[in-house]
Protein backbone atom coordinates (compact mmCIF):
# COMPACT_ATOMS: atom_id res chain seq x y z
CA UNK A 1 91.77 27.40 -77.77
CA UNK A 2 90.14 23.81 -77.05
CA UNK A 3 91.45 22.91 -80.51
CA UNK A 4 95.09 24.12 -79.77
CA UNK A 5 94.79 22.02 -76.61
CA UNK A 6 92.83 19.07 -78.24
CA UNK A 7 95.36 18.51 -81.31
CA UNK A 8 98.80 19.79 -79.54
CA UNK A 9 99.04 22.54 -81.68
CA UNK A 10 102.16 24.69 -81.31
CA UNK A 11 101.45 28.59 -80.88
CA UNK A 12 103.74 31.48 -81.41
CA UNK A 13 103.84 35.30 -80.67
CA UNK A 14 101.79 36.98 -83.08
CA UNK A 15 103.65 39.19 -85.45
CA UNK A 16 102.92 42.82 -84.42
CA UNK A 17 104.20 44.14 -87.84
CA UNK A 18 101.05 42.03 -89.60
CA UNK A 19 98.56 44.30 -90.34
CA UNK A 20 96.15 41.74 -89.58
CA UNK A 21 97.11 41.44 -86.39
CA UNK A 22 95.78 44.74 -85.32
CA UNK A 23 94.14 44.94 -82.21
CA UNK A 24 94.45 40.80 -81.95
CA UNK A 25 95.25 39.48 -78.28
CA UNK A 26 96.79 35.99 -77.73
CA UNK A 27 99.22 33.72 -79.55
CA UNK A 28 99.01 32.47 -83.05
CA UNK A 29 98.97 29.40 -85.01
CA UNK A 30 99.84 28.36 -88.63
CA UNK A 31 96.95 26.90 -90.42
CA UNK A 32 99.44 24.48 -91.92
CA UNK A 33 99.71 22.80 -88.40
CA UNK A 34 96.01 21.71 -88.17
CA UNK A 35 95.63 18.07 -89.62
CA UNK A 36 93.99 18.36 -93.15
CA UNK A 37 91.03 16.34 -92.48
CA UNK A 38 90.15 18.52 -89.28
CA UNK A 39 90.47 21.80 -91.42
CA UNK A 40 88.25 20.30 -94.03
CA UNK A 41 85.60 19.31 -91.51
CA UNK A 42 85.82 22.99 -89.81
CA UNK A 43 85.81 24.66 -93.23
CA UNK A 44 82.61 22.61 -94.23
CA UNK A 45 80.86 23.15 -91.01
CA UNK A 46 81.46 26.93 -91.07
CA UNK A 47 80.01 27.32 -94.95
CA UNK A 48 76.97 24.76 -94.68
CA UNK A 49 75.44 26.36 -91.20
CA UNK A 50 74.76 29.16 -93.66
CA UNK A 51 72.97 26.67 -96.41
CA UNK A 52 69.37 25.45 -96.10
CA UNK A 53 69.80 21.89 -96.01
CA UNK A 54 66.87 20.99 -98.32
CA UNK A 55 68.40 23.28 -101.04
CA UNK A 56 71.69 21.35 -100.29
CA UNK A 57 70.14 18.00 -100.68
CA UNK A 58 68.13 19.05 -103.91
CA UNK A 59 71.55 20.23 -105.45
CA UNK A 60 73.56 17.44 -104.66
CA UNK A 61 70.72 15.19 -106.40
CA UNK A 62 70.42 17.20 -109.45
CA UNK A 63 74.32 17.27 -109.72
CA UNK A 64 74.42 13.48 -109.13
CA UNK A 65 71.72 13.05 -112.30
CA UNK A 66 73.88 15.11 -114.18
CA UNK A 67 77.43 12.97 -113.52
CA UNK A 68 75.11 9.95 -114.44
CA UNK A 69 73.45 11.72 -117.70
CA UNK A 70 77.28 12.77 -118.75
CA UNK A 71 78.96 9.28 -117.86
CA UNK A 72 76.26 7.50 -119.80
CA UNK A 73 77.37 9.90 -122.72
CA UNK A 74 81.00 9.26 -122.30
CA UNK A 75 80.08 5.42 -122.35
CA UNK A 76 77.89 5.53 -125.76
CA UNK A 77 80.83 7.69 -127.52
CA UNK A 78 83.42 5.24 -126.11
CA UNK A 79 81.50 2.43 -127.03
CA UNK A 80 81.29 3.80 -130.75
CA UNK A 81 85.10 4.53 -131.24
C-alpha cells in the first residue's frame, strides 16, 4: 500500500474469476502502472537480497574482464580486415 500511495497508482477491484486471486483480499493494480525504473529497482532488490555480495562482485569482475578480452579480439579482427 505504501507504493500505491507514494506513486499514486490507481487500484481496481480484483477479478473474482481470476484463479490466481483465490484467497486474495483487497484491491489490485496493473504492474504496467509502476514506473519502469521503480519496477526494475524492486525486482533487483528482491533478487539481490538472496545473493552473496562477495560472489556477485567477483562474478561482475570476471564478466568485465571477459568483455574486455572479447572486445580486444574484435578490435584486432577488425584491424586486420
